[in-house]
C-alpha atoms as a PDB file:
ATOM      1  CA  MET A   1     102.489 103.594  90.170  1.00  0.00           C
ATOM      2  CA  GLY A   2     100.595 103.166  93.529  1.00  0.00           C
ATOM      3  CA  LYS A   3     102.263 104.466  96.765  1.00  0.00           C
ATOM      4  CA  ARG A   4     105.017 102.586  98.606  1.00  0.00           C
ATOM      5  CA  GLY A   5     105.627 102.193 102.033  1.00  0.00           C
ATOM      6  CA  VAL A   6     103.053 101.522 105.226  1.00  0.00           C
ATOM      7  CA  GLN A   7      99.795 102.478 105.730  1.00  0.00           C
ATOM      8  CA  PRO A   8      96.742 102.145 108.590  1.00  0.00           C
ATOM      9  CA  TYR A   9      94.017 100.231 107.112  1.00  0.00           C
ATOM     10  CA  ILE A  10      90.577  99.687 109.128  1.00  0.00           C
ATOM     11  CA  SER A  11      87.569  97.403 108.231  1.00  0.00           C
ATOM     12  CA  PHE A  12      84.423  98.204 109.737  1.00  0.00           C
ATOM     13  CA  ASN A  13      80.899  96.004 110.366  1.00  0.00           C
ATOM     14  CA  GLY A  14      78.920  97.960 107.869  1.00  0.00           C
ATOM     15  CA  ASN A  15      79.526 101.444 108.920  1.00  0.00           C
ATOM     16  CA  CYS A  16      82.712 102.550 106.762  1.00  0.00           C
ATOM     17  CA  ASN A  17      80.844 105.290 105.149  1.00  0.00           C
ATOM     18  CA  GLU A  18      79.743 107.208 108.208  1.00  0.00           C
ATOM     19  CA  ALA A  19      83.305 106.629 109.742  1.00  0.00           C
ATOM     20  CA  ILE A  20      85.346 108.137 106.435  1.00  0.00           C
ATOM     21  CA  ASN A  21      82.722 110.802 106.661  1.00  0.00           C
ATOM     22  CA  PHE A  22      83.198 111.431 110.474  1.00  0.00           C
ATOM     23  CA  TYR A  23      87.105 111.485 110.224  1.00  0.00           C
ATOM     24  CA  LYS A  24      87.089 113.678 106.972  1.00  0.00           C
ATOM     25  CA  ASP A  25      84.884 116.050 108.789  1.00  0.00           C
ATOM     26  CA  ALA A  26      86.162 115.789 112.507  1.00  0.00           C
ATOM     27  CA  LEU A  27      90.122 115.685 111.152  1.00  0.00           C
ATOM     28  CA  GLY A  28      89.984 117.794 108.094  1.00  0.00           C
ATOM     29  CA  GLY A  29      90.538 115.316 105.886  1.00  0.00           C
ATOM     30  CA  LYS A  30      89.653 114.543 102.195  1.00  0.00           C
ATOM     31  CA  ILE A  31      88.379 111.372 100.755  1.00  0.00           C
ATOM     32  CA  LEU A  32      90.695 110.436  97.594  1.00  0.00           C
ATOM     33  CA  TYR A  33      89.050 107.081  96.545  1.00  0.00           C
ATOM     34  CA  VAL A  34      85.737 104.919  96.951  1.00  0.00           C
ATOM     35  CA  GLN A  35      84.736 101.788  95.526  1.00  0.00           C
ATOM     36  CA  ARG A  36      81.760  99.961  96.501  1.00  0.00           C
ATOM     37  CA  TYR A  37      80.843  96.462  95.813  1.00  0.00           C
ATOM     38  CA  GLY A  38      78.258  96.548  93.784  1.00  0.00           C
ATOM     39  CA  ASP A  39      80.298  98.553  91.362  1.00  0.00           C
ATOM     40  CA  SER A  40      83.169  96.263  91.460  1.00  0.00           C
ATOM     41  CA  PRO A  41      84.269  92.579  89.874  1.00  0.00           C
ATOM     42  CA  MET A  42      83.412  91.670  93.822  1.00  0.00           C
ATOM     43  CA  LYS A  43      79.632  92.561  93.363  1.00  0.00           C
ATOM     44  CA  GLY A  44      77.915  89.864  95.712  1.00  0.00           C
ATOM     45  CA  MET A  45      80.597  89.542  98.157  1.00  0.00           C
ATOM     46  CA  GLY A  46      79.604  92.141 100.322  1.00  0.00           C
ATOM     47  CA  PRO A  47      76.418  94.754 100.372  1.00  0.00           C
ATOM     48  CA  ASP A  48      75.989  96.791  97.160  1.00  0.00           C
ATOM     49  CA  GLU A  49      76.402 100.143  98.828  1.00  0.00           C
ATOM     50  CA  GLY A  50      79.161  98.662 101.121  1.00  0.00           C
ATOM     51  CA  ILE A  51      82.890  99.891 100.657  1.00  0.00           C
ATOM     52  CA  MET A  52      85.150  97.536  99.295  1.00  0.00           C
ATOM     53  CA  HIS A  53      87.893 100.094  99.374  1.00  0.00           C
ATOM     54  CA  CYS A  54      88.252 103.341 100.157  1.00  0.00           C
ATOM     55  CA  THR A  55      91.704 106.182 100.876  1.00  0.00           C
ATOM     56  CA  LEU A  56      91.310 109.162 102.790  1.00  0.00           C
ATOM     57  CA  ARG A  57      94.284 111.590 103.207  1.00  0.00           C
ATOM     58  CA  PHE A  58      94.950 114.080 106.276  1.00  0.00           C
ATOM     59  CA  GLY A  59      98.248 115.759 105.846  1.00  0.00           C
ATOM     60  CA  GLU A  60     100.468 113.813 104.618  1.00  0.00           C
ATOM     61  CA  THR A  61      98.954 110.487 106.161  1.00  0.00           C
ATOM     62  CA  GLU A  62      96.470 108.488 103.851  1.00  0.00           C
ATOM     63  CA  LEU A  63      94.362 106.123 105.851  1.00  0.00           C
ATOM     64  CA  MET A  64      92.329 103.250 103.934  1.00  0.00           C
ATOM     65  CA  ALA A  65      89.330 101.509 104.850  1.00  0.00           C
ATOM     66  CA  CYS A  66      86.285  98.855 104.030  1.00  0.00           C
ATOM     67  CA  ASP A  67      83.145  97.127 104.900  1.00  0.00           C
ATOM     68  CA  ASN A  68      83.821  93.555 106.520  1.00  0.00           C
ATOM     69  CA  PRO A  69      81.966  91.657 103.704  1.00  0.00           C
ATOM     70  CA  GLY A  70      80.715  89.781 106.759  1.00  0.00           C
ATOM     71  CA  HIS A  71      82.363  86.222 106.080  1.00  0.00           C
ATOM     72  CA  ASP A  72      82.872  83.840 108.692  1.00  0.00           C
ATOM     73  CA  ASP A  73      86.641  83.522 107.858  1.00  0.00           C
ATOM     74  CA  PHE A  74      86.999  87.044 108.650  1.00  0.00           C
ATOM     75  CA  PRO A  75      85.030  88.041 112.201  1.00  0.00           C
ATOM     76  CA  LEU A  76      85.428  91.549 113.422  1.00  0.00           C
ATOM     77  CA  HIS A  77      86.183  92.350 116.787  1.00  0.00           C
ATOM     78  CA  VAL A  78      87.960  95.474 118.638  1.00  0.00           C
ATOM     79  CA  GLY A  79      91.378  94.825 117.926  1.00  0.00           C
ATOM     80  CA  ASN A  80      91.362  92.855 114.474  1.00  0.00           C
ATOM     81  CA  ASN A  81      89.380  95.365 112.437  1.00  0.00           C
ATOM     82  CA  ILE A  82      92.651  97.195 112.051  1.00  0.00           C
ATOM     83  CA  SER A  83      95.524  96.071 109.524  1.00  0.00           C
ATOM     84  CA  LEU A  84      99.089  97.526 108.465  1.00  0.00           C
ATOM     85  CA  SER A  85      98.768  97.865 104.298  1.00  0.00           C
ATOM     86  CA  TYR A  86     102.408  97.193 102.980  1.00  0.00           C
ATOM     87  CA  SER A  87     102.382  98.821  99.287  1.00  0.00           C
ATOM     88  CA  SER A  88     105.029  98.308  96.600  1.00  0.00           C
ATOM     89  CA  ASN A  89     105.784  98.270  92.879  1.00  0.00           C
ATOM     90  CA  ASP A  90     108.335  95.125  93.086  1.00  0.00           C
ATOM     91  CA  PRO A  91     106.718  91.938  92.979  1.00  0.00           C
ATOM     92  CA  VAL A  92     109.229  89.734  93.792  1.00  0.00           C
ATOM     93  CA  GLY A  93     110.491  92.176  96.875  1.00  0.00           C
ATOM     94  CA  ALA A  94     106.732  91.829  98.146  1.00  0.00           C
ATOM     95  CA  GLU A  95     106.679  88.066  97.562  1.00  0.00           C
ATOM     96  CA  SER A  96     109.924  87.970  99.768  1.00  0.00           C
ATOM     97  CA  ILE A  97     109.057  90.734 102.625  1.00  0.00           C
ATOM     98  CA  PHE A  98     105.614  88.751 102.771  1.00  0.00           C
ATOM     99  CA  ALA A  99     107.201  85.063 103.256  1.00  0.00           C
ATOM    100  CA  LYS A 100     109.536  86.699 105.976  1.00  0.00           C
ATOM    101  CA  MET A 101     106.674  88.196 107.890  1.00  0.00           C
ATOM    102  CA  ALA A 102     104.710  84.747 107.613  1.00  0.00           C
ATOM    103  CA  GLU A 103     107.292  83.028 109.486  1.00  0.00           C
ATOM    104  CA  GLY A 104     105.763  82.123 112.900  1.00  0.00           C
ATOM    105  CA  GLY A 105     102.575  84.007 111.914  1.00  0.00           C
ATOM    106  CA  LYS A 106      99.454  83.035 109.856  1.00  0.00           C
ATOM    107  CA  ILE A 107      98.674  83.484 106.299  1.00  0.00           C
ATOM    108  CA  THR A 108      94.987  84.510 105.569  1.00  0.00           C
ATOM    109  CA  MET A 109      95.059  84.777 102.143  1.00  0.00           C
ATOM    110  CA  PRO A 110      98.265  83.726 100.187  1.00  0.00           C
ATOM    111  CA  MET A 111      99.995  86.195  97.710  1.00  0.00           C
ATOM    112  CA  ALA A 112      98.234  86.181  94.265  1.00  0.00           C
ATOM    113  CA  GLU A 113      97.280  88.180  91.178  1.00  0.00           C
ATOM    114  CA  THR A 114      93.568  90.060  91.675  1.00  0.00           C
ATOM    115  CA  PHE A 115      91.886  92.339  89.719  1.00  0.00           C
ATOM    116  CA  TRP A 116      93.249  95.539  91.560  1.00  0.00           C
ATOM    117  CA  ALA A 117      96.870  93.937  92.109  1.00  0.00           C
ATOM    118  CA  GLU A 118      99.942  92.236  90.158  1.00  0.00           C
ATOM    119  CA  ARG A 119      99.964  90.769  94.009  1.00  0.00           C
ATOM    120  CA  PHE A 120      98.177  90.771  96.695  1.00  0.00           C
ATOM    121  CA  GLY A 121      97.943  88.757 100.228  1.00  0.00           C
ATOM    122  CA  MET A 122      97.118  88.897 103.731  1.00  0.00           C
ATOM    123  CA  LEU A 123      98.476  87.482 107.082  1.00  0.00           C
ATOM    124  CA  THR A 124      98.642  88.103 111.039  1.00  0.00           C
ATOM    125  CA  ASP A 125     102.297  88.358 112.045  1.00  0.00           C
ATOM    126  CA  LYS A 126     103.767  86.206 114.868  1.00  0.00           C
ATOM    127  CA  PHE A 127     102.784  89.166 117.041  1.00  0.00           C
ATOM    128  CA  GLY A 128      99.216  89.288 116.241  1.00  0.00           C
ATOM    129  CA  ILE A 129      99.423  92.172 113.644  1.00  0.00           C
ATOM    130  CA  ASN A 130      97.335  92.231 111.048  1.00  0.00           C
ATOM    131  CA  TRP A 131      98.648  92.574 107.419  1.00  0.00           C
ATOM    132  CA  MET A 132      98.050  93.431 103.871  1.00  0.00           C
ATOM    133  CA  PHE A 133     100.540  93.018 101.202  1.00  0.00           C
ATOM    134  CA  ASN A 134      99.638  94.939  97.775  1.00  0.00           C
ATOM    135  CA  CYS A 135     101.704  95.230  94.661  1.00  0.00           C
ATOM    136  CA  ASP A 136      99.824  97.400  92.002  1.00  0.00           C
ATOM    137  CA  LYS A 137      99.594  95.949  88.416  1.00  0.00           C
ATOM    138  CA  PRO A 138     101.587  98.381  85.949  1.00  0.00           C
ATOM    139  CA  GLU A 139      99.459 101.572  84.672  1.00  0.00           C
ATOM    140  CA  SER A 140      98.378  99.975  81.245  1.00  0.00           C
ATOM    141  CA  ASP A 141      97.468  96.558  82.694  1.00  0.00           C
ATOM    142  CA  HIS A 142      95.311  98.404  85.759  1.00  0.00           C
ATOM    143  CA  ALA A 143      93.586 101.113  83.496  1.00  0.00           C
ATOM    144  CA  LYS A 144      92.371  98.185  81.149  1.00  0.00           C
ATOM    145  CA  ALA A 145      91.017  96.331  84.386  1.00  0.00           C
ATOM    146  CA  THR A 146      89.158  99.381  84.895  1.00  0.00           C
ATOM    147  CA  SER A 147      87.635 100.437  81.843  1.00  0.00           C
END
């Protein structure tokens, strides 16, 4: 099952690969996972070589990142390119927390099933902080989706 907790998530304007390699070298980290748009069911949503999702580890800390797909719905500028990602193995609990966090804020992607998650959603809370909520699919379902 996926890791539970909150991790930082950074979106880049097409230079995610360069950034993660810089951070890896500068901070002595390790790249754990990289999936490119062209190698995913989201092919065509971003440049084929663009990073759809990656995870880096620095000691006990994990950082996640991606290339912004470039849609007008998600324009990036300094300050809105960092989100906090809440991960859980409990879909009902994740839905409940999502609803509480959305109060007074703005839902940018309602909680729904995706090819990688049982539930995934995004919002900006009432303080202007971007959040992503991810509830992994059970291992057997995830293995089927990625094979």
